[in-house]
Amino acid sequence: MSSLTVKVFKTLGDGRRYMKTWPMVKQLSFYFPEYRVVRATQLGLRFMPLLAIIAAGSQLYLYGWAFLPQAITIALFFISLPIQGLFWLGWRATHPLPLSLLDWCNNLSIKLQSIGVACAPLGAKACYLDMAVILKIAFERLDNSYWENL
């Protein structure tokens, strides 16, 4: 396999890990697109294979075997939608954090340390996956009053 193929599969794996790590909390949906992308990707992974079969089958039923290339194209399109979501999530997971988010995450980790949760501050090479880990811990441990003040 070429290095490009390995990178694509690594990115898809990072996207799956990021999707499982990201806290699915409505408060974050106002600030980050991940909530919507994760929801759409989860729905796509569940329903797009079925829709691909139905769409391709209906093309073949209505127009016959002469439309097999179009039916395959439609099926591949439906199947590619959740893969695109995973790819975006994988790209985003490894993307470096901007300084403002890095400071916010470090303040959040200090807040977690103050209540007794072992959480190290993020380093200079922190990425969105690192932020997702801290956010997941924070939503499990901090009370709702902290998140209402966002």
N, C-alpha and C. Protein backbone atom coordinates (compact mmCIF):
# COMPACT_ATOMS: atom_id res chain seq x y z
N MET A 1 0.84 -1.19 0.00
CA MET A 1 0.00 0.00 0.00
C MET A 1 0.88 1.24 0.00
N SER A 2 0.43 2.25 -0.66
CA SER A 2 1.20 3.49 -0.70
C SER A 2 1.00 4.28 0.58
N SER A 3 1.87 5.26 0.75
CA SER A 3 1.78 6.07 1.98
C SER A 3 0.51 6.91 1.99
N LEU A 4 0.00 7.28 0.82
CA LEU A 4 -1.25 8.05 0.76
C LEU A 4 -2.42 7.21 1.27
N THR A 5 -2.46 5.94 0.89
CA THR A 5 -3.52 5.05 1.36
C THR A 5 -3.45 4.88 2.87
N VAL A 6 -2.24 4.74 3.39
CA VAL A 6 -2.06 4.60 4.83
C VAL A 6 -2.53 5.87 5.54
N LYS A 7 -2.21 7.04 4.97
CA LYS A 7 -2.64 8.30 5.58
C LYS A 7 -4.16 8.43 5.59
N VAL A 8 -4.80 8.00 4.52
CA VAL A 8 -6.27 8.08 4.44
C VAL A 8 -6.89 7.20 5.52
N PHE A 9 -6.40 5.97 5.65
CA PHE A 9 -6.96 5.07 6.67
C PHE A 9 -6.65 5.56 8.08
N LYS A 10 -5.49 6.17 8.27
CA LYS A 10 -5.15 6.73 9.58
C LYS A 10 -6.08 7.90 9.90
N THR A 11 -6.35 8.74 8.92
CA THR A 11 -7.26 9.87 9.11
C THR A 11 -8.67 9.38 9.44
N LEU A 12 -9.13 8.35 8.75
CA LEU A 12 -10.46 7.79 9.05
C LEU A 12 -10.50 7.20 10.46
N GLY A 13 -9.42 6.54 10.87
CA GLY A 13 -9.35 6.01 12.23
C GLY A 13 -9.33 7.11 13.27
N ASP A 14 -8.58 8.19 12.98
CA ASP A 14 -8.58 9.35 13.88
C ASP A 14 -9.98 9.96 13.98
N GLY A 15 -10.69 9.99 12.85
CA GLY A 15 -12.05 10.53 12.84
C GLY A 15 -12.99 9.69 13.69
N ARG A 16 -12.85 8.39 13.63
CA ARG A 16 -13.69 7.51 14.44
C ARG A 16 -13.39 7.69 15.92
N ARG A 17 -12.11 7.79 16.26
CA ARG A 17 -11.72 7.99 17.66
C ARG A 17 -12.21 9.35 18.16
N TYR A 18 -12.08 10.39 17.32
CA TYR A 18 -12.53 11.73 17.69
C TYR A 18 -14.05 11.74 17.88
N MET A 19 -14.76 11.02 17.01
CA MET A 19 -16.22 10.96 17.11
C MET A 19 -16.64 10.30 18.41
N LYS A 20 -15.92 9.28 18.84
CA LYS A 20 -16.26 8.59 20.09
C LYS A 20 -15.84 9.41 21.31
N THR A 21 -14.84 10.28 21.17
CA THR A 21 -14.34 11.07 22.29
C THR A 21 -15.14 12.35 22.49
N TRP A 22 -15.59 12.97 21.42
CA TRP A 22 -16.25 14.27 21.51
C TRP A 22 -17.49 14.19 22.38
N PRO A 23 -17.62 15.06 23.40
CA PRO A 23 -18.83 15.03 24.25
C PRO A 23 -20.03 15.58 23.48
N MET A 24 -21.07 14.78 23.39
CA MET A 24 -22.26 15.18 22.65
C MET A 24 -23.18 15.99 23.57
N VAL A 25 -22.83 17.25 23.76
CA VAL A 25 -23.53 18.15 24.66
C VAL A 25 -23.98 19.36 23.85
N LYS A 26 -25.24 19.72 24.01
CA LYS A 26 -25.82 20.82 23.23
C LYS A 26 -25.08 22.15 23.43
N GLN A 27 -24.56 22.39 24.64
CA GLN A 27 -23.89 23.67 24.91
C GLN A 27 -22.71 23.88 23.96
N LEU A 28 -22.03 22.81 23.59
CA LEU A 28 -20.87 22.95 22.71
C LEU A 28 -21.25 23.19 21.26
N SER A 29 -22.49 22.86 20.89
CA SER A 29 -22.89 23.00 19.49
C SER A 29 -22.92 24.45 19.04
N PHE A 30 -22.99 25.38 19.98
CA PHE A 30 -22.99 26.80 19.61
C PHE A 30 -21.60 27.29 19.25
N TYR A 31 -20.57 26.58 19.71
CA TYR A 31 -19.20 27.02 19.52
C TYR A 31 -18.40 26.15 18.55
N PHE A 32 -18.78 24.90 18.39
CA PHE A 32 -18.01 23.97 17.56
C PHE A 32 -18.94 23.24 16.60
N PRO A 33 -18.50 23.03 15.35
CA PRO A 33 -19.33 22.29 14.40
C PRO A 33 -19.31 20.77 14.64
N GLU A 34 -18.46 20.30 15.54
CA GLU A 34 -18.32 18.86 15.75
C GLU A 34 -19.63 18.19 16.14
N TYR A 35 -20.43 18.85 16.95
CA TYR A 35 -21.70 18.26 17.39
C TYR A 35 -22.55 17.87 16.18
N ARG A 36 -22.69 18.78 15.24
CA ARG A 36 -23.52 18.52 14.06
C ARG A 36 -22.87 17.49 13.14
N VAL A 37 -21.55 17.56 12.98
CA VAL A 37 -20.86 16.62 12.10
C VAL A 37 -20.90 15.21 12.69
N VAL A 38 -20.70 15.10 13.99
CA VAL A 38 -20.75 13.78 14.63
C VAL A 38 -22.15 13.20 14.50
N ARG A 39 -23.18 14.00 14.76
CA ARG A 39 -24.57 13.52 14.64
C ARG A 39 -24.85 13.03 13.21
N ALA A 40 -24.47 13.85 12.23
CA ALA A 40 -24.73 13.49 10.83
C ALA A 40 -23.94 12.25 10.43
N THR A 41 -22.71 12.13 10.90
CA THR A 41 -21.89 10.97 10.56
C THR A 41 -22.45 9.71 11.22
N GLN A 42 -22.89 9.81 12.46
CA GLN A 42 -23.49 8.66 13.13
C GLN A 42 -24.75 8.19 12.40
N LEU A 43 -25.59 9.15 12.01
CA LEU A 43 -26.79 8.79 11.25
C LEU A 43 -26.43 8.20 9.89
N GLY A 44 -25.41 8.79 9.26
CA GLY A 44 -24.96 8.29 7.96
C GLY A 44 -24.42 6.88 8.04
N LEU A 45 -23.64 6.60 9.06
CA LEU A 45 -23.10 5.25 9.22
C LEU A 45 -24.21 4.24 9.44
N ARG A 46 -25.28 4.66 10.07
CA ARG A 46 -26.38 3.75 10.36
C ARG A 46 -27.29 3.54 9.15
N PHE A 47 -27.62 4.63 8.43
CA PHE A 47 -28.67 4.53 7.42
C PHE A 47 -28.22 4.61 5.97
N MET A 48 -27.06 5.15 5.68
CA MET A 48 -26.66 5.32 4.28
C MET A 48 -26.46 4.01 3.52
N PRO A 49 -25.93 2.96 4.13
CA PRO A 49 -25.85 1.70 3.35
C PRO A 49 -27.23 1.21 2.89
N LEU A 50 -28.23 1.32 3.76
CA LEU A 50 -29.58 0.91 3.38
C LEU A 50 -30.12 1.82 2.27
N LEU A 51 -29.91 3.13 2.42
CA LEU A 51 -30.38 4.06 1.38
C LEU A 51 -29.65 3.83 0.06
N ALA A 52 -28.38 3.44 0.13
CA ALA A 52 -27.63 3.16 -1.09
C ALA A 52 -28.23 1.96 -1.82
N ILE A 53 -28.57 0.94 -1.08
CA ILE A 53 -29.17 -0.26 -1.69
C ILE A 53 -30.54 0.07 -2.28
N ILE A 54 -31.33 0.83 -1.54
CA ILE A 54 -32.67 1.20 -2.03
C ILE A 54 -32.55 2.07 -3.28
N ALA A 55 -31.66 3.05 -3.27
CA ALA A 55 -31.53 3.95 -4.43
C ALA A 55 -31.02 3.19 -5.65
N ALA A 56 -30.01 2.35 -5.45
CA ALA A 56 -29.48 1.59 -6.59
C ALA A 56 -30.51 0.58 -7.08
N GLY A 57 -31.17 -0.09 -6.15
CA GLY A 57 -32.18 -1.07 -6.55
C GLY A 57 -33.35 -0.43 -7.29
N SER A 58 -33.76 0.75 -6.85
CA SER A 58 -34.87 1.42 -7.54
C SER A 58 -34.47 1.85 -8.94
N GLN A 59 -33.22 2.27 -9.12
CA GLN A 59 -32.75 2.62 -10.47
C GLN A 59 -32.80 1.39 -11.38
N LEU A 60 -32.35 0.27 -10.87
CA LEU A 60 -32.36 -0.95 -11.68
C LEU A 60 -33.78 -1.44 -11.93
N TYR A 61 -34.64 -1.29 -10.95
CA TYR A 61 -36.04 -1.73 -11.11
C TYR A 61 -36.76 -0.87 -12.14
N LEU A 62 -36.57 0.45 -12.06
CA LEU A 62 -37.29 1.35 -12.96
C LEU A 62 -36.73 1.37 -14.38
N TYR A 63 -35.41 1.32 -14.51
CA TYR A 63 -34.80 1.54 -15.82
C TYR A 63 -34.08 0.31 -16.38
N GLY A 64 -33.97 -0.73 -15.60
CA GLY A 64 -33.35 -1.95 -16.10
C GLY A 64 -31.84 -1.96 -15.91
N TRP A 65 -31.26 -3.09 -16.36
CA TRP A 65 -29.82 -3.30 -16.18
C TRP A 65 -28.96 -2.37 -17.02
N ALA A 66 -29.56 -1.67 -17.97
CA ALA A 66 -28.80 -0.72 -18.78
C ALA A 66 -28.30 0.45 -17.92
N PHE A 67 -28.96 0.68 -16.79
CA PHE A 67 -28.58 1.79 -15.90
C PHE A 67 -27.73 1.33 -14.73
N LEU A 68 -27.07 0.19 -14.88
CA LEU A 68 -26.21 -0.32 -13.81
C LEU A 68 -25.08 0.65 -13.44
N PRO A 69 -24.41 1.30 -14.39
CA PRO A 69 -23.36 2.27 -13.99
C PRO A 69 -23.91 3.43 -13.16
N GLN A 70 -25.08 3.95 -13.53
CA GLN A 70 -25.68 5.03 -12.76
C GLN A 70 -26.10 4.54 -11.37
N ALA A 71 -26.61 3.32 -11.28
CA ALA A 71 -27.02 2.77 -9.99
C ALA A 71 -25.81 2.60 -9.08
N ILE A 72 -24.71 2.14 -9.62
CA ILE A 72 -23.48 1.99 -8.83
C ILE A 72 -22.98 3.35 -8.37
N THR A 73 -23.05 4.33 -9.25
CA THR A 73 -22.61 5.69 -8.90
C THR A 73 -23.46 6.27 -7.77
N ILE A 74 -24.75 6.09 -7.85
CA ILE A 74 -25.64 6.59 -6.80
C ILE A 74 -25.35 5.88 -5.48
N ALA A 75 -25.16 4.57 -5.53
CA ALA A 75 -24.85 3.81 -4.31
C ALA A 75 -23.53 4.28 -3.70
N LEU A 76 -22.52 4.49 -4.53
CA LEU A 76 -21.23 4.96 -4.02
C LEU A 76 -21.34 6.36 -3.41
N PHE A 77 -22.19 7.20 -4.00
CA PHE A 77 -22.39 8.53 -3.43
C PHE A 77 -22.97 8.44 -2.02
N PHE A 78 -24.03 7.63 -1.85
CA PHE A 78 -24.64 7.50 -0.53
C PHE A 78 -23.66 6.91 0.49
N ILE A 79 -22.87 5.94 0.06
CA ILE A 79 -21.90 5.32 0.97
C ILE A 79 -20.77 6.29 1.32
N SER A 80 -20.45 7.20 0.41
CA SER A 80 -19.34 8.12 0.65
C SER A 80 -19.67 9.22 1.66
N LEU A 81 -20.94 9.49 1.90
CA LEU A 81 -21.30 10.59 2.80
C LEU A 81 -20.79 10.40 4.23
N PRO A 82 -21.02 9.27 4.88
CA PRO A 82 -20.44 9.13 6.23
C PRO A 82 -18.92 9.05 6.22
N ILE A 83 -18.35 8.55 5.13
CA ILE A 83 -16.89 8.50 5.02
C ILE A 83 -16.33 9.91 4.97
N GLN A 84 -17.02 10.81 4.29
CA GLN A 84 -16.60 12.21 4.26
C GLN A 84 -16.64 12.82 5.64
N GLY A 85 -17.68 12.49 6.43
CA GLY A 85 -17.77 12.98 7.80
C GLY A 85 -16.62 12.47 8.65
N LEU A 86 -16.31 11.18 8.54
CA LEU A 86 -15.19 10.62 9.29
C LEU A 86 -13.87 11.24 8.87
N PHE A 87 -13.72 11.50 7.57
CA PHE A 87 -12.49 12.11 7.09
C PHE A 87 -12.33 13.52 7.64
N TRP A 88 -13.41 14.31 7.65
CA TRP A 88 -13.34 15.66 8.20
C TRP A 88 -13.02 15.61 9.69
N LEU A 89 -13.68 14.71 10.41
CA LEU A 89 -13.41 14.59 11.84
C LEU A 89 -11.96 14.17 12.10
N GLY A 90 -11.42 13.28 11.27
CA GLY A 90 -10.03 12.88 11.42
C GLY A 90 -9.07 14.02 11.14
N TRP A 91 -9.40 14.82 10.13
CA TRP A 91 -8.56 15.99 9.84
C TRP A 91 -8.63 16.98 11.00
N ARG A 92 -9.82 17.19 11.50
CA ARG A 92 -10.00 18.15 12.58
C ARG A 92 -9.33 17.67 13.87
N ALA A 93 -9.37 16.37 14.13
CA ALA A 93 -8.80 15.82 15.36
C ALA A 93 -7.31 16.11 15.47
N THR A 94 -6.61 16.09 14.36
CA THR A 94 -5.16 16.30 14.39
C THR A 94 -4.76 17.74 14.12
N HIS A 95 -5.75 18.59 13.87
CA HIS A 95 -5.48 20.01 13.59
C HIS A 95 -5.04 20.71 14.88
N PRO A 96 -4.00 21.53 14.84
CA PRO A 96 -3.57 22.21 16.07
C PRO A 96 -4.61 23.22 16.57
N LEU A 97 -4.66 23.35 17.89
CA LEU A 97 -5.60 24.29 18.50
C LEU A 97 -5.12 25.73 18.33
N PRO A 98 -6.03 26.67 18.09
CA PRO A 98 -5.65 28.08 18.13
C PRO A 98 -5.32 28.49 19.56
N LEU A 99 -4.58 29.56 19.70
CA LEU A 99 -4.12 29.98 21.03
C LEU A 99 -5.27 30.26 21.99
N SER A 100 -6.35 30.85 21.49
CA SER A 100 -7.48 31.16 22.38
C SER A 100 -8.08 29.87 22.95
N LEU A 101 -8.25 28.85 22.12
CA LEU A 101 -8.78 27.58 22.63
C LEU A 101 -7.77 26.87 23.53
N LEU A 102 -6.50 27.01 23.22
CA LEU A 102 -5.47 26.40 24.06
C LEU A 102 -5.52 27.00 25.47
N ASP A 103 -5.65 28.33 25.55
CA ASP A 103 -5.76 28.98 26.85
C ASP A 103 -7.02 28.55 27.59
N TRP A 104 -8.14 28.47 26.88
CA TRP A 104 -9.40 28.06 27.49
C TRP A 104 -9.30 26.64 28.03
N CYS A 105 -8.69 25.74 27.26
CA CYS A 105 -8.53 24.34 27.70
C CYS A 105 -7.59 24.25 28.90
N ASN A 106 -6.55 25.06 28.90
CA ASN A 106 -5.64 25.05 30.05
C ASN A 106 -6.34 25.57 31.30
N ASN A 107 -7.17 26.61 31.16
CA ASN A 107 -7.95 27.08 32.30
C ASN A 107 -8.93 26.01 32.77
N LEU A 108 -9.52 25.29 31.83
CA LEU A 108 -10.44 24.21 32.18
C LEU A 108 -9.71 23.08 32.91
N SER A 109 -8.50 22.76 32.47
CA SER A 109 -7.74 21.70 33.15
C SER A 109 -7.31 22.15 34.55
N ILE A 110 -7.01 23.44 34.73
CA ILE A 110 -6.69 23.96 36.06
C ILE A 110 -7.92 23.87 36.96
N LYS A 111 -9.10 24.18 36.39
CA LYS A 111 -10.35 24.06 37.16
C LYS A 111 -10.59 22.60 37.57
N LEU A 112 -10.31 21.67 36.67
CA LEU A 112 -10.47 20.25 36.99
C LEU A 112 -9.48 19.81 38.07
N GLN A 113 -8.25 20.32 37.98
CA GLN A 113 -7.25 19.98 38.99
C GLN A 113 -7.66 20.52 40.37
N SER A 114 -8.32 21.67 40.39
CA SER A 114 -8.73 22.26 41.66
C SER A 114 -9.81 21.43 42.37
N ILE A 115 -10.56 20.63 41.62
CA ILE A 115 -11.57 19.78 42.26
C ILE A 115 -11.05 18.35 42.44
N GLY A 116 -9.77 18.14 42.15
CA GLY A 116 -9.16 16.85 42.42
C GLY A 116 -9.10 15.88 41.27
N VAL A 117 -9.33 16.33 40.05
CA VAL A 117 -9.27 15.45 38.89
C VAL A 117 -7.87 15.56 38.28
N ALA A 118 -7.24 14.43 38.05
CA ALA A 118 -5.91 14.43 37.45
C ALA A 118 -6.02 14.79 35.97
N CYS A 119 -5.60 15.99 35.64
CA CYS A 119 -5.72 16.49 34.27
C CYS A 119 -4.57 17.46 34.02
N ALA A 120 -3.66 17.07 33.15
CA ALA A 120 -2.50 17.92 32.87
C ALA A 120 -2.87 19.00 31.86
N PRO A 121 -2.27 20.19 31.98
CA PRO A 121 -2.50 21.25 30.98
C PRO A 121 -1.97 20.81 29.61
N LEU A 122 -2.57 21.36 28.58
CA LEU A 122 -2.16 21.01 27.22
C LEU A 122 -0.85 21.70 26.87
N GLY A 123 -0.07 21.04 26.05
CA GLY A 123 1.20 21.62 25.59
C GLY A 123 1.01 22.46 24.35
N ALA A 124 2.13 22.93 23.82
CA ALA A 124 2.10 23.82 22.66
C ALA A 124 1.64 23.10 21.39
N LYS A 125 1.77 21.77 21.34
CA LYS A 125 1.37 21.02 20.15
C LYS A 125 0.02 20.33 20.32
N ALA A 126 -0.82 20.90 21.15
CA ALA A 126 -2.13 20.30 21.41
C ALA A 126 -3.02 20.37 20.18
N CYS A 127 -3.87 19.37 20.03
CA CYS A 127 -4.78 19.32 18.90
C CYS A 127 -6.22 19.21 19.42
N TYR A 128 -7.16 19.19 18.50
CA TYR A 128 -8.57 19.16 18.88
C TYR A 128 -8.93 17.86 19.61
N LEU A 129 -8.26 16.76 19.31
CA LEU A 129 -8.52 15.52 20.04
C LEU A 129 -8.14 15.67 21.51
N ASP A 130 -7.04 16.36 21.79
CA ASP A 130 -6.66 16.62 23.19
C ASP A 130 -7.73 17.46 23.89
N MET A 131 -8.27 18.45 23.17
CA MET A 131 -9.33 19.27 23.75
C MET A 131 -10.58 18.44 24.01
N ALA A 132 -10.89 17.52 23.10
CA ALA A 132 -12.07 16.69 23.27
C ALA A 132 -11.95 15.81 24.51
N VAL A 133 -10.75 15.32 24.79
CA VAL A 133 -10.54 14.49 25.98
C VAL A 133 -10.80 15.32 27.23
N ILE A 134 -10.26 16.54 27.28
CA ILE A 134 -10.47 17.40 28.45
C ILE A 134 -11.94 17.77 28.59
N LEU A 135 -12.60 18.08 27.47
CA LEU A 135 -14.02 18.43 27.53
C LEU A 135 -14.86 17.26 28.01
N LYS A 136 -14.53 16.06 27.57
CA LYS A 136 -15.30 14.89 28.01
C LYS A 136 -15.16 14.70 29.52
N ILE A 137 -13.94 14.84 30.03
CA ILE A 137 -13.71 14.72 31.47
C ILE A 137 -14.46 15.84 32.20
N ALA A 138 -14.39 17.04 31.66
CA ALA A 138 -15.03 18.19 32.32
C ALA A 138 -16.54 18.02 32.38
N PHE A 139 -17.16 17.54 31.31
CA PHE A 139 -18.61 17.37 31.33
C PHE A 139 -19.04 16.24 32.26
N GLU A 140 -18.15 15.30 32.51
CA GLU A 140 -18.48 14.23 33.45
C GLU A 140 -18.33 14.70 34.90
N ARG A 141 -17.40 15.62 35.16
CA ARG A 141 -17.06 15.97 36.54
C ARG A 141 -17.61 17.30 37.03
N LEU A 142 -17.70 18.30 36.14
CA LEU A 142 -18.15 19.63 36.58
C LEU A 142 -19.67 19.70 36.59
N ASP A 143 -20.20 20.54 37.47
CA ASP A 143 -21.65 20.68 37.54
C ASP A 143 -22.17 21.59 36.42
N ASN A 144 -23.46 21.60 36.23
CA ASN A 144 -24.07 22.34 35.13
C ASN A 144 -23.92 23.85 35.25
N SER A 145 -23.74 24.37 36.46
CA SER A 145 -23.63 25.82 36.62
C SER A 145 -22.39 26.37 35.90
N TYR A 146 -21.34 25.57 35.83
CA TYR A 146 -20.13 26.02 35.13
C TYR A 146 -20.44 26.20 33.63
N TRP A 147 -21.19 25.27 33.06
CA TRP A 147 -21.44 25.31 31.61
C TRP A 147 -22.50 26.33 31.24
N GLU A 148 -23.35 26.70 32.17
CA GLU A 148 -24.34 27.74 31.88
C GLU A 148 -23.70 29.11 31.76
N ASN A 149 -22.52 29.29 32.33
CA ASN A 149 -21.83 30.57 32.26
C ASN A 149 -21.01 30.74 30.99
N LEU A 150 -21.01 29.76 30.11
CA LEU A 150 -20.25 29.89 28.88
C LEU A 150 -20.81 31.01 28.10
